[in-house]
């Protein structure tokens, strides 16, 4: 929404220490069987090269709950950091236009160093179909995208086809290939986390 509202986990290298490509490859490799689990494999990820250092990443998942329930989770913006991996803060800010403005901070530990990134996002909601977001301030040259929700049929059960699309243009502090790989892995976990949150709230609701 980092929107992560998500709208996702965001990261940026904030150290001048030289990093060997082989070390980056080792660090970004899955540390457990989680990346191979059937649940994560249910999240489809597509990466498109828009320009030399600009990418569009799309992640999709089908959730066996109504669009309204998924929407409720996505738009509870200040609770996103409670369940989205590596999202350390998500809070509403005053908007000069009276709309929805979020500040989100993502953090991770990579190669024994701390990485973090901050974005301020302006959001537009079109209930219950779309949440668009655009960075107005932050640690990227561009960070914009949308959440799209569509009703779908999952066998005899109604569900939601949830799609998250982000266009990202990182600053020159890290190779774009590293950001690309990291975000692809993170988006799988993020969408799965949304599904688990929806199921959790449905079970107690």
C-alpha atoms as a PDB file:
ATOM      1  CA  UNK A   1       0.000   0.000   0.000  1.00  0.00           C
ATOM      2  CA  UNK A   2       5.014  -0.069   1.296  1.00  0.00           C
ATOM      3  CA  UNK A   3      -0.414   2.299   0.124  1.00  0.00           C
ATOM      4  CA  UNK A   4       2.026  -1.746   1.950  1.00  0.00           C
ATOM      5  CA  UNK A   5      -1.047   1.544   2.659  1.00  0.00           C
ATOM      6  CA  UNK A   6       0.977  -1.413   2.261  1.00  0.00           C
ATOM      7  CA  UNK A   7       2.678  -0.359   0.713  1.00  0.00           C
ATOM      8  CA  UNK A   8       5.133  -2.749   0.859  1.00  0.00           C
ATOM      9  CA  UNK A   9       8.392  -3.321   2.480  1.00  0.00           C
ATOM     10  CA  UNK A  10      10.899  -0.782   1.323  1.00  0.00           C
ATOM     11  CA  UNK A  11      14.651  -0.729   1.729  1.00  0.00           C
ATOM     12  CA  UNK A  12      17.672   1.312   0.839  1.00  0.00           C
ATOM     13  CA  UNK A  13      21.341   0.761   1.548  1.00  0.00           C
ATOM     14  CA  UNK A  14      22.509   3.438   3.941  1.00  0.00           C
ATOM     15  CA  UNK A  15      26.146   2.561   4.338  1.00  0.00           C
ATOM     16  CA  UNK A  16      29.239   3.351   2.311  1.00  0.00           C
ATOM     17  CA  UNK A  17      30.761  -0.032   3.043  1.00  0.00           C
ATOM     18  CA  UNK A  18      31.743  -1.879  -0.116  1.00  0.00           C
ATOM     19  CA  UNK A  19      29.682  -5.001  -0.771  1.00  0.00           C
ATOM     20  CA  UNK A  20      30.744  -7.870  -2.944  1.00  0.00           C
ATOM     21  CA  UNK A  21      28.109  -9.151  -5.415  1.00  0.00           C
ATOM     22  CA  UNK A  22      28.669 -12.714  -4.248  1.00  0.00           C
ATOM     23  CA  UNK A  23      27.885 -11.682  -0.681  1.00  0.00           C
ATOM     24  CA  UNK A  24      24.677 -10.005  -1.811  1.00  0.00           C
ATOM     25  CA  UNK A  25      23.616 -13.116  -3.656  1.00  0.00           C
ATOM     26  CA  UNK A  26      24.226 -15.282  -0.623  1.00  0.00           C
ATOM     27  CA  UNK A  27      22.423 -12.895   1.717  1.00  0.00           C
ATOM     28  CA  UNK A  28      19.367 -12.627  -0.487  1.00  0.00           C
ATOM     29  CA  UNK A  29      19.007 -16.370  -0.897  1.00  0.00           C
ATOM     30  CA  UNK A  30      16.068 -17.814   1.066  1.00  0.00           C
ATOM     31  CA  UNK A  31      17.202 -18.593   4.572  1.00  0.00           C
ATOM     32  CA  UNK A  32      14.614 -21.310   5.115  1.00  0.00           C
ATOM     33  CA  UNK A  33      12.062 -23.456   3.333  1.00  0.00           C
ATOM     34  CA  UNK A  34       9.543 -20.613   3.622  1.00  0.00           C
ATOM     35  CA  UNK A  35      10.227 -19.369   0.096  1.00  0.00           C
ATOM     36  CA  UNK A  36       9.423 -22.849  -1.236  1.00  0.00           C
ATOM     37  CA  UNK A  37       6.268 -23.343   0.808  1.00  0.00           C
ATOM     38  CA  UNK A  38       3.015 -23.960  -1.107  1.00  0.00           C
ATOM     39  CA  UNK A  39       1.490 -20.877   0.513  1.00  0.00           C
ATOM     40  CA  UNK A  40       4.141 -18.514  -0.854  1.00  0.00           C
ATOM     41  CA  UNK A  41       4.137 -20.242  -4.209  1.00  0.00           C
ATOM     42  CA  UNK A  42       0.457 -19.279  -4.488  1.00  0.00           C
ATOM     43  CA  UNK A  43       1.560 -15.649  -4.852  1.00  0.00           C
ATOM     44  CA  UNK A  44       2.359 -14.907  -8.486  1.00  0.00           C
ATOM     45  CA  UNK A  45       5.050 -12.280  -9.108  1.00  0.00           C
ATOM     46  CA  UNK A  46       5.907 -10.610 -12.408  1.00  0.00           C
ATOM     47  CA  UNK A  47       8.743  -8.131 -13.017  1.00  0.00           C
ATOM     48  CA  UNK A  48       8.759  -5.754 -16.001  1.00  0.00           C
ATOM     49  CA  UNK A  49      11.669  -3.526 -16.968  1.00  0.00           C
ATOM     50  CA  UNK A  50      10.351  -0.027 -17.684  1.00  0.00           C
ATOM     51  CA  UNK A  51      13.720   1.710 -17.994  1.00  0.00           C
ATOM     52  CA  UNK A  52      17.336   1.028 -17.120  1.00  0.00           C
ATOM     53  CA  UNK A  53      16.809   1.442 -13.365  1.00  0.00           C
ATOM     54  CA  UNK A  54      13.011   1.455 -13.177  1.00  0.00           C
ATOM     55  CA  UNK A  55      10.886  -1.645 -12.638  1.00  0.00           C
ATOM     56  CA  UNK A  56       7.238  -2.552 -12.359  1.00  0.00           C
ATOM     57  CA  UNK A  57       6.545  -5.446 -10.029  1.00  0.00           C
ATOM     58  CA  UNK A  58       3.136  -7.105  -9.860  1.00  0.00           C
ATOM     59  CA  UNK A  59       2.055  -9.646  -7.247  1.00  0.00           C
ATOM     60  CA  UNK A  60      -1.270 -11.499  -7.159  1.00  0.00           C
ATOM     61  CA  UNK A  61      -3.046 -13.833  -4.783  1.00  0.00           C
ATOM     62  CA  UNK A  62      -6.541 -15.282  -4.438  1.00  0.00           C
ATOM     63  CA  UNK A  63      -8.047 -14.948  -0.977  1.00  0.00           C
ATOM     64  CA  UNK A  64     -11.079 -17.065   0.033  1.00  0.00           C
ATOM     65  CA  UNK A  65     -12.937 -14.128   1.580  1.00  0.00           C
ATOM     66  CA  UNK A  66     -15.089 -11.294   0.312  1.00  0.00           C
ATOM     67  CA  UNK A  67     -13.746  -8.111  -1.258  1.00  0.00           C
ATOM     68  CA  UNK A  68     -15.179  -6.125   1.646  1.00  0.00           C
ATOM     69  CA  UNK A  69     -13.185  -8.098   4.224  1.00  0.00           C
ATOM     70  CA  UNK A  70      -9.941  -7.708   2.278  1.00  0.00           C
ATOM     71  CA  UNK A  71     -10.622  -4.004   1.818  1.00  0.00           C
ATOM     72  CA  UNK A  72     -11.108  -3.609   5.549  1.00  0.00           C
ATOM     73  CA  UNK A  73      -7.632  -5.023   6.223  1.00  0.00           C
ATOM     74  CA  UNK A  74      -5.883  -2.960   3.535  1.00  0.00           C
ATOM     75  CA  UNK A  75      -7.427   0.339   4.608  1.00  0.00           C
ATOM     76  CA  UNK A  76      -6.708  -0.056   8.314  1.00  0.00           C
ATOM     77  CA  UNK A  77      -3.518   1.806   7.511  1.00  0.00           C
ATOM     78  CA  UNK A  78      -2.094   2.307  10.967  1.00  0.00           C
ATOM     79  CA  UNK A  79      -2.400  -1.413  11.736  1.00  0.00           C
ATOM     80  CA  UNK A  80      -0.397  -2.540   8.692  1.00  0.00           C
ATOM     81  CA  UNK A  81       2.900  -2.583  10.585  1.00  0.00           C
ATOM     82  CA  UNK A  82       1.358  -5.072  13.025  1.00  0.00           C
ATOM     83  CA  UNK A  83       1.404  -7.869  10.461  1.00  0.00           C
ATOM     84  CA  UNK A  84       3.349  -6.846   7.343  1.00  0.00           C
ATOM     85  CA  UNK A  85       6.899  -8.278   7.556  1.00  0.00           C
ATOM     86  CA  UNK A  86       9.665  -5.666   7.807  1.00  0.00           C
ATOM     87  CA  UNK A  87       7.249  -2.734   7.860  1.00  0.00           C
ATOM     88  CA  UNK A  88       8.238  -0.972  11.050  1.00  0.00           C
ATOM     89  CA  UNK A  89       5.873   2.000  10.843  1.00  0.00           C
ATOM     90  CA  UNK A  90       2.697   3.014   9.021  1.00  0.00           C
ATOM     91  CA  UNK A  91       0.876   6.133  10.177  1.00  0.00           C
ATOM     92  CA  UNK A  92      -1.575   8.713   8.893  1.00  0.00           C
ATOM     93  CA  UNK A  93      -0.341  12.248   8.309  1.00  0.00           C
ATOM     94  CA  UNK A  94      -2.278  15.444   7.763  1.00  0.00           C
ATOM     95  CA  UNK A  95      -2.874  15.988   4.061  1.00  0.00           C
ATOM     96  CA  UNK A  96      -2.942  19.500   2.580  1.00  0.00           C
ATOM     97  CA  UNK A  97      -5.777  18.387   0.283  1.00  0.00           C
ATOM     98  CA  UNK A  98      -7.782  16.649   2.991  1.00  0.00           C
ATOM     99  CA  UNK A  99      -7.093  13.235   1.447  1.00  0.00           C
ATOM    100  CA  UNK A 100      -5.228  10.205   2.742  1.00  0.00           C
ATOM    101  CA  UNK A 101      -1.514  10.622   3.369  1.00  0.00           C
ATOM    102  CA  UNK A 102       0.664   7.921   4.920  1.00  0.00           C
ATOM    103  CA  UNK A 103       4.193   7.759   6.197  1.00  0.00           C
ATOM    104  CA  UNK A 104       5.719   4.298   6.013  1.00  0.00           C
ATOM    105  CA  UNK A 105       9.131   3.110   7.116  1.00  0.00           C
ATOM    106  CA  UNK A 106      10.531  -0.272   6.191  1.00  0.00           C
ATOM    107  CA  UNK A 107      13.598  -1.821   7.752  1.00  0.00           C
ATOM    108  CA  UNK A 108      15.665  -4.948   7.285  1.00  0.00           C
ATOM    109  CA  UNK A 109      19.019  -6.344   8.257  1.00  0.00           C
ATOM    110  CA  UNK A 110      21.281  -7.269   5.367  1.00  0.00           C
ATOM    111  CA  UNK A 111      24.944  -8.311   5.480  1.00  0.00           C
ATOM    112  CA  UNK A 112      25.012  -7.471   9.185  1.00  0.00           C
ATOM    113  CA  UNK A 113      24.009  -3.886   8.352  1.00  0.00           C
ATOM    114  CA  UNK A 114      20.698  -2.135   8.951  1.00  0.00           C
ATOM    115  CA  UNK A 115      18.747  -0.942   5.931  1.00  0.00           C
ATOM    116  CA  UNK A 116      15.775   1.359   6.036  1.00  0.00           C
ATOM    117  CA  UNK A 117      13.656   3.483   3.740  1.00  0.00           C
ATOM    118  CA  UNK A 118      10.948   6.061   4.302  1.00  0.00           C
ATOM    119  CA  UNK A 119       8.143   7.068   1.956  1.00  0.00           C
ATOM    120  CA  UNK A 120       5.252   9.489   2.259  1.00  0.00           C
ATOM    121  CA  UNK A 121       2.351   8.355   0.091  1.00  0.00           C
ATOM    122  CA  UNK A 122      -0.817  10.055  -1.089  1.00  0.00           C
ATOM    123  CA  UNK A 123      -3.651   7.537  -1.532  1.00  0.00           C
ATOM    124  CA  UNK A 124      -6.897   7.555  -3.479  1.00  0.00           C
ATOM    125  CA  UNK A 125      -9.597   5.011  -2.651  1.00  0.00           C
ATOM    126  CA  UNK A 126     -12.275   3.768  -5.038  1.00  0.00           C
ATOM    127  CA  UNK A 127     -14.299   1.438  -2.804  1.00  0.00           C
ATOM    128  CA  UNK A 128     -14.180  -1.498  -3.109  1.00  0.00           C
ATOM    129  CA  UNK A 129     -12.067  -1.868  -6.225  1.00  0.00           C
ATOM    130  CA  UNK A 130      -8.875   0.171  -6.144  1.00  0.00           C
ATOM    131  CA  UNK A 131      -6.408   1.933  -3.880  1.00  0.00           C
ATOM    132  CA  UNK A 132      -3.894   4.059  -5.781  1.00  0.00           C
ATOM    133  CA  UNK A 133      -0.753   5.439  -4.172  1.00  0.00           C
ATOM    134  CA  UNK A 134       1.915   7.925  -5.205  1.00  0.00           C
ATOM    135  CA  UNK A 135       5.083   8.891  -3.364  1.00  0.00           C
ATOM    136  CA  UNK A 136       5.295  12.606  -2.598  1.00  0.00           C
ATOM    137  CA  UNK A 137       8.426  12.383  -0.470  1.00  0.00           C
ATOM    138  CA  UNK A 138      10.910   9.650   0.318  1.00  0.00           C
ATOM    139  CA  UNK A 139      13.991   7.595  -0.358  1.00  0.00           C
ATOM    140  CA  UNK A 140      13.178   6.636  -3.953  1.00  0.00           C
ATOM    141  CA  UNK A 141      13.016   8.593  -7.180  1.00  0.00           C
ATOM    142  CA  UNK A 142       9.624   7.011  -7.778  1.00  0.00           C
ATOM    143  CA  UNK A 143       7.396   4.683  -5.761  1.00  0.00           C
ATOM    144  CA  UNK A 144       3.839   4.466  -7.032  1.00  0.00           C
ATOM    145  CA  UNK A 145       1.214   1.862  -7.773  1.00  0.00           C
ATOM    146  CA  UNK A 146      -2.095   0.384  -6.740  1.00  0.00           C
ATOM    147  CA  UNK A 147      -4.050  -2.336  -5.018  1.00  0.00           C
ATOM    148  CA  UNK A 148      -6.801  -3.874  -7.142  1.00  0.00           C
ATOM    149  CA  UNK A 149      -9.543  -6.107  -5.745  1.00  0.00           C
ATOM    150  CA  UNK A 150     -11.911  -8.191  -7.845  1.00  0.00           C
ATOM    151  CA  UNK A 151     -14.493 -10.788  -6.794  1.00  0.00           C
ATOM    152  CA  UNK A 152     -13.613 -14.279  -7.947  1.00  0.00           C
ATOM    153  CA  UNK A 153     -14.937 -17.813  -7.632  1.00  0.00           C
ATOM    154  CA  UNK A 154     -12.818 -20.336  -5.756  1.00  0.00           C
ATOM    155  CA  UNK A 155     -14.649 -23.566  -6.399  1.00  0.00           C
ATOM    156  CA  UNK A 156     -17.931 -23.287  -4.530  1.00  0.00           C
ATOM    157  CA  UNK A 157     -16.636 -20.372  -2.470  1.00  0.00           C
ATOM    158  CA  UNK A 158     -16.558 -16.685  -3.313  1.00  0.00           C
ATOM    159  CA  UNK A 159     -13.245 -14.934  -2.900  1.00  0.00           C
ATOM    160  CA  UNK A 160     -11.084 -11.976  -3.862  1.00  0.00           C
ATOM    161  CA  UNK A 161      -8.414 -11.716  -6.538  1.00  0.00           C
ATOM    162  CA  UNK A 162      -5.960  -9.279  -4.975  1.00  0.00           C
ATOM    163  CA  UNK A 163      -3.331  -7.614  -7.169  1.00  0.00           C
ATOM    164  CA  UNK A 164      -0.569  -5.280  -5.990  1.00  0.00           C
ATOM    165  CA  UNK A 165       1.386  -3.310  -8.589  1.00  0.00           C
ATOM    166  CA  UNK A 166       4.299  -1.004  -7.817  1.00  0.00           C
ATOM    167  CA  UNK A 167       6.561   1.069 -10.030  1.00  0.00           C
ATOM    168  CA  UNK A 168       9.879   1.605  -8.323  1.00  0.00           C
ATOM    169  CA  UNK A 169      12.863   3.717  -9.284  1.00  0.00           C
ATOM    170  CA  UNK A 170      15.600   3.388  -6.656  1.00  0.00           C
ATOM    171  CA  UNK A 171      18.280   5.951  -6.087  1.00  0.00           C
ATOM    172  CA  UNK A 172      21.821   5.015  -7.050  1.00  0.00           C
ATOM    173  CA  UNK A 173      22.858   3.654  -3.658  1.00  0.00           C
ATOM    174  CA  UNK A 174      22.131   0.013  -4.477  1.00  0.00           C
ATOM    175  CA  UNK A 175      22.096  -2.052  -7.676  1.00  0.00           C
ATOM    176  CA  UNK A 176      18.568  -2.202  -9.064  1.00  0.00           C
ATOM    177  CA  UNK A 177      18.854  -5.978  -9.382  1.00  0.00           C
ATOM    178  CA  UNK A 178      19.196  -6.261  -5.604  1.00  0.00           C
ATOM    179  CA  UNK A 179      16.137  -4.093  -4.979  1.00  0.00           C
ATOM    180  CA  UNK A 180      14.239  -6.104  -7.597  1.00  0.00           C
ATOM    181  CA  UNK A 181      15.024  -9.454  -5.996  1.00  0.00           C
ATOM    182  CA  UNK A 182      14.357  -8.224  -2.476  1.00  0.00           C
ATOM    183  CA  UNK A 183      11.000  -6.673  -3.335  1.00  0.00           C
ATOM    184  CA  UNK A 184       9.898  -9.754  -5.252  1.00  0.00           C
ATOM    185  CA  UNK A 185      10.507 -11.923  -2.188  1.00  0.00           C
ATOM    186  CA  UNK A 186       8.958  -9.367   0.153  1.00  0.00           C
ATOM    187  CA  UNK A 187       5.798  -8.984  -1.910  1.00  0.00           C
ATOM    188  CA  UNK A 188       5.164 -12.704  -1.721  1.00  0.00           C
ATOM    189  CA  UNK A 189       5.348 -12.539   2.065  1.00  0.00           C
ATOM    190  CA  UNK A 190       3.311  -9.314   2.201  1.00  0.00           C
ATOM    191  CA  UNK A 191       0.370 -10.654   0.222  1.00  0.00           C
ATOM    192  CA  UNK A 192       0.418 -13.865   2.218  1.00  0.00           C
ATOM    193  CA  UNK A 193       0.417 -11.752   5.390  1.00  0.00           C
ATOM    194  CA  UNK A 194      -2.663  -9.890   4.136  1.00  0.00           C
ATOM    195  CA  UNK A 195      -4.427 -13.194   3.523  1.00  0.00           C
ATOM    196  CA  UNK A 196      -3.534 -14.479   6.980  1.00  0.00           C
ATOM    197  CA  UNK A 197      -4.771 -11.237   8.551  1.00  0.00           C
ATOM    198  CA  UNK A 198      -8.092 -11.487   6.724  1.00  0.00           C
ATOM    199  CA  UNK A 199      -8.498 -15.079   7.874  1.00  0.00           C
ATOM    200  CA  UNK A 200      -7.589 -14.179  11.438  1.00  0.00           C
ATOM    201  CA  UNK A 201     -10.164 -11.380  11.619  1.00  0.00           C
ATOM    202  CA  UNK A 202     -12.814 -13.548   9.937  1.00  0.00           C
ATOM    203  CA  UNK A 203     -12.304 -16.294  12.520  1.00  0.00           C
ATOM    204  CA  UNK A 204     -13.008 -13.924  15.422  1.00  0.00           C
ATOM    205  CA  UNK A 205     -15.581 -11.760  13.665  1.00  0.00           C
END
